[in-house]
Amino acid sequence: MKLMKGWLNTGHQKGLLGEENECPSCGWHEETQLHVFQCREDSMKNTRMNAFKLMEEYYHQHGIPGMVYVPFIKLYQSTCNDKPMQAREPVHRTVEDAIHAQCNLGHDFFLR
């Protein structure tokens, strides 16, 4: 619930209470929820990479077709890297429509 409402214990929230609001990993001037997903510090990148691997394993183990989950994981990765998604393989029309709808939310809300 805190993630969805933007209430996570980030530097942004701490700044509202008079504390330091910069990112403790890289020193970025304001650690927002979006910055947590896009932080360029190596340990943060490795954490995200491991999370994506766990997501892939979970979906695969639960029988979700790759043509459904792979495009979404690529979309998450591209959003975390602040780059446009580039699909190399064909994407089913329904999945493509869902991805387009998610992209319209904007990076901050999509990752929530």
C-alpha atoms as a PDB file:
ATOM      1  CA  MET A   1       0.000   0.000   0.000  1.00  0.00           C
ATOM      2  CA  LYS A   2       2.851   2.393   0.809  1.00  0.00           C
ATOM      3  CA  LEU A   3       4.373   1.779  -2.623  1.00  0.00           C
ATOM      4  CA  MET A   4       1.091   2.521  -4.382  1.00  0.00           C
ATOM      5  CA  LYS A   5       0.530   5.737  -2.402  1.00  0.00           C
ATOM      6  CA  GLY A   6       4.114   7.007  -2.729  1.00  0.00           C
ATOM      7  CA  TRP A   7       4.775   6.669   1.007  1.00  0.00           C
ATOM      8  CA  LEU A   8       7.886   4.479   0.944  1.00  0.00           C
ATOM      9  CA  ASN A   9      10.709   5.490   3.269  1.00  0.00           C
ATOM     10  CA  THR A  10      12.694   7.251   0.539  1.00  0.00           C
ATOM     11  CA  GLY A  11      14.842  10.347   0.812  1.00  0.00           C
ATOM     12  CA  HIS A  12      11.925  12.335  -0.595  1.00  0.00           C
ATOM     13  CA  GLN A  13       9.757  11.372   2.380  1.00  0.00           C
ATOM     14  CA  LYS A  14      12.628  11.947   4.813  1.00  0.00           C
ATOM     15  CA  GLY A  15      13.155  15.407   3.303  1.00  0.00           C
ATOM     16  CA  LEU A  16       9.561  16.286   4.181  1.00  0.00           C
ATOM     17  CA  LEU A  17      10.475  15.587   7.822  1.00  0.00           C
ATOM     18  CA  GLY A  18      13.619  17.738   7.756  1.00  0.00           C
ATOM     19  CA  GLU A  19      16.094  14.900   7.184  1.00  0.00           C
ATOM     20  CA  GLU A  20      18.541  14.333   4.306  1.00  0.00           C
ATOM     21  CA  ASN A  21      16.720  13.571   1.069  1.00  0.00           C
ATOM     22  CA  GLU A  22      19.578  12.460  -1.179  1.00  0.00           C
ATOM     23  CA  CYS A  23      20.132   8.896  -2.384  1.00  0.00           C
ATOM     24  CA  PRO A  24      22.380   7.013   0.051  1.00  0.00           C
ATOM     25  CA  SER A  25      23.750   4.853  -2.780  1.00  0.00           C
ATOM     26  CA  CYS A  26      24.790   7.432  -5.365  1.00  0.00           C
ATOM     27  CA  GLY A  27      24.226  10.845  -3.756  1.00  0.00           C
ATOM     28  CA  TRP A  28      21.525  11.952  -6.235  1.00  0.00           C
ATOM     29  CA  HIS A  29      19.921  15.151  -4.908  1.00  0.00           C
ATOM     30  CA  GLU A  30      16.521  13.567  -4.157  1.00  0.00           C
ATOM     31  CA  GLU A  31      15.814   9.881  -3.695  1.00  0.00           C
ATOM     32  CA  THR A  32      12.306   9.374  -5.071  1.00  0.00           C
ATOM     33  CA  GLN A  33      10.594   6.035  -5.650  1.00  0.00           C
ATOM     34  CA  LEU A  34      11.376   6.366  -9.358  1.00  0.00           C
ATOM     35  CA  HIS A  35      15.035   7.060  -8.579  1.00  0.00           C
ATOM     36  CA  VAL A  36      15.202   3.851  -6.502  1.00  0.00           C
ATOM     37  CA  PHE A  37      14.206   1.931  -9.651  1.00  0.00           C
ATOM     38  CA  GLN A  38      16.586   3.904 -11.879  1.00  0.00           C
ATOM     39  CA  CYS A  39      19.625   4.458  -9.610  1.00  0.00           C
ATOM     40  CA  ARG A  40      22.856   3.894 -11.562  1.00  0.00           C
ATOM     41  CA  GLU A  41      24.943   2.709  -8.601  1.00  0.00           C
ATOM     42  CA  ASP A  42      26.341  -0.798  -9.208  1.00  0.00           C
ATOM     43  CA  SER A  43      24.754  -2.499  -6.180  1.00  0.00           C
ATOM     44  CA  MET A  44      21.344  -1.101  -7.151  1.00  0.00           C
ATOM     45  CA  LYS A  45      21.767  -2.326 -10.741  1.00  0.00           C
ATOM     46  CA  ASN A  46      22.752  -5.784  -9.490  1.00  0.00           C
ATOM     47  CA  THR A  47      19.749  -5.905  -7.154  1.00  0.00           C
ATOM     48  CA  ARG A  48      17.405  -5.065 -10.033  1.00  0.00           C
ATOM     49  CA  MET A  49      19.089  -7.635 -12.303  1.00  0.00           C
ATOM     50  CA  ASN A  50      18.593 -10.328  -9.646  1.00  0.00           C
ATOM     51  CA  ALA A  51      14.964  -9.287  -9.167  1.00  0.00           C
ATOM     52  CA  PHE A  52      14.303  -9.646 -12.909  1.00  0.00           C
ATOM     53  CA  LYS A  53      15.883 -13.112 -12.889  1.00  0.00           C
ATOM     54  CA  LEU A  54      13.648 -14.125  -9.975  1.00  0.00           C
ATOM     55  CA  MET A  55      10.602 -12.813 -11.838  1.00  0.00           C
ATOM     56  CA  GLU A  56      11.506 -14.850 -14.910  1.00  0.00           C
ATOM     57  CA  GLU A  57      12.021 -17.994 -12.829  1.00  0.00           C
ATOM     58  CA  TYR A  58       8.710 -17.469 -11.026  1.00  0.00           C
ATOM     59  CA  TYR A  59       6.709 -16.994 -14.225  1.00  0.00           C
ATOM     60  CA  HIS A  60       8.426 -19.948 -15.892  1.00  0.00           C
ATOM     61  CA  GLN A  61       7.827 -22.233 -12.880  1.00  0.00           C
ATOM     62  CA  HIS A  62       4.150 -21.265 -12.804  1.00  0.00           C
ATOM     63  CA  GLY A  63       3.577 -22.038 -16.477  1.00  0.00           C
ATOM     64  CA  ILE A  64       3.103 -18.467 -17.728  1.00  0.00           C
ATOM     65  CA  PRO A  65       3.957 -18.440 -21.444  1.00  0.00           C
ATOM     66  CA  GLY A  66       7.148 -16.595 -22.312  1.00  0.00           C
ATOM     67  CA  MET A  67       5.323 -14.651 -25.013  1.00  0.00           C
ATOM     68  CA  VAL A  68       3.305 -13.073 -22.182  1.00  0.00           C
ATOM     69  CA  TYR A  69       5.860 -12.384 -19.458  1.00  0.00           C
ATOM     70  CA  VAL A  70       9.056 -11.706 -21.445  1.00  0.00           C
ATOM     71  CA  PRO A  71       7.787  -8.464 -23.058  1.00  0.00           C
ATOM     72  CA  PHE A  72       6.687  -7.140 -19.658  1.00  0.00           C
ATOM     73  CA  ILE A  73      10.042  -7.915 -18.065  1.00  0.00           C
ATOM     74  CA  LYS A  74      11.756  -6.163 -20.971  1.00  0.00           C
ATOM     75  CA  LEU A  75       9.445  -3.199 -20.443  1.00  0.00           C
ATOM     76  CA  TYR A  76      10.340  -3.085 -16.728  1.00  0.00           C
ATOM     77  CA  GLN A  77      14.046  -3.278 -17.578  1.00  0.00           C
ATOM     78  CA  SER A  78      13.832  -0.536 -20.187  1.00  0.00           C
ATOM     79  CA  THR A  79      11.917   1.676 -17.750  1.00  0.00           C
ATOM     80  CA  CYS A  80      14.535   1.104 -15.040  1.00  0.00           C
ATOM     81  CA  ASN A  81      17.248   1.975 -17.575  1.00  0.00           C
ATOM     82  CA  ASP A  82      15.206   5.006 -18.737  1.00  0.00           C
ATOM     83  CA  LYS A  83      15.316   3.823 -22.346  1.00  0.00           C
ATOM     84  CA  PRO A  84      12.525   2.957 -24.784  1.00  0.00           C
ATOM     85  CA  MET A  85      11.591  -0.705 -25.014  1.00  0.00           C
ATOM     86  CA  GLN A  86      12.813  -2.503 -28.115  1.00  0.00           C
ATOM     87  CA  ALA A  87      11.054  -5.799 -28.788  1.00  0.00           C
ATOM     88  CA  ARG A  88      13.202  -8.116 -30.889  1.00  0.00           C
ATOM     89  CA  GLU A  89      10.603 -10.810 -31.313  1.00  0.00           C
ATOM     90  CA  PRO A  90       6.970 -10.494 -32.375  1.00  0.00           C
ATOM     91  CA  VAL A  91       4.576  -9.587 -29.572  1.00  0.00           C
ATOM     92  CA  HIS A  92       0.981 -10.792 -29.477  1.00  0.00           C
ATOM     93  CA  ARG A  93      -1.495  -7.969 -30.188  1.00  0.00           C
ATOM     94  CA  THR A  94      -3.169  -8.306 -26.777  1.00  0.00           C
ATOM     95  CA  VAL A  95       0.177  -8.094 -24.971  1.00  0.00           C
ATOM     96  CA  GLU A  96       1.196  -5.150 -27.155  1.00  0.00           C
ATOM     97  CA  ASP A  97      -2.050  -3.330 -26.279  1.00  0.00           C
ATOM     98  CA  ALA A  98      -1.478  -3.994 -22.562  1.00  0.00           C
ATOM     99  CA  ILE A  99       2.096  -2.712 -22.780  1.00  0.00           C
ATOM    100  CA  HIS A 100       0.949   0.418 -24.591  1.00  0.00           C
ATOM    101  CA  ALA A 101      -1.676   1.053 -21.901  1.00  0.00           C
ATOM    102  CA  GLN A 102       0.940   0.606 -19.150  1.00  0.00           C
ATOM    103  CA  CYS A 103       3.361   2.973 -20.890  1.00  0.00           C
ATOM    104  CA  ASN A 104       0.694   5.668 -20.888  1.00  0.00           C
ATOM    105  CA  LEU A 105       0.792   5.644 -17.084  1.00  0.00           C
ATOM    106  CA  GLY A 106       4.321   7.065 -17.076  1.00  0.00           C
ATOM    107  CA  HIS A 107       7.468   5.587 -15.550  1.00  0.00           C
ATOM    108  CA  ASP A 108       6.683   6.424 -11.952  1.00  0.00           C
ATOM    109  CA  PHE A 109       3.210   4.884 -11.894  1.00  0.00           C
ATOM    110  CA  PHE A 110       3.999   1.973 -14.187  1.00  0.00           C
ATOM    111  CA  LEU A 111       6.728   0.660 -11.884  1.00  0.00           C
ATOM    112  CA  ARG A 112       4.435   0.856  -8.891  1.00  0.00           C
END
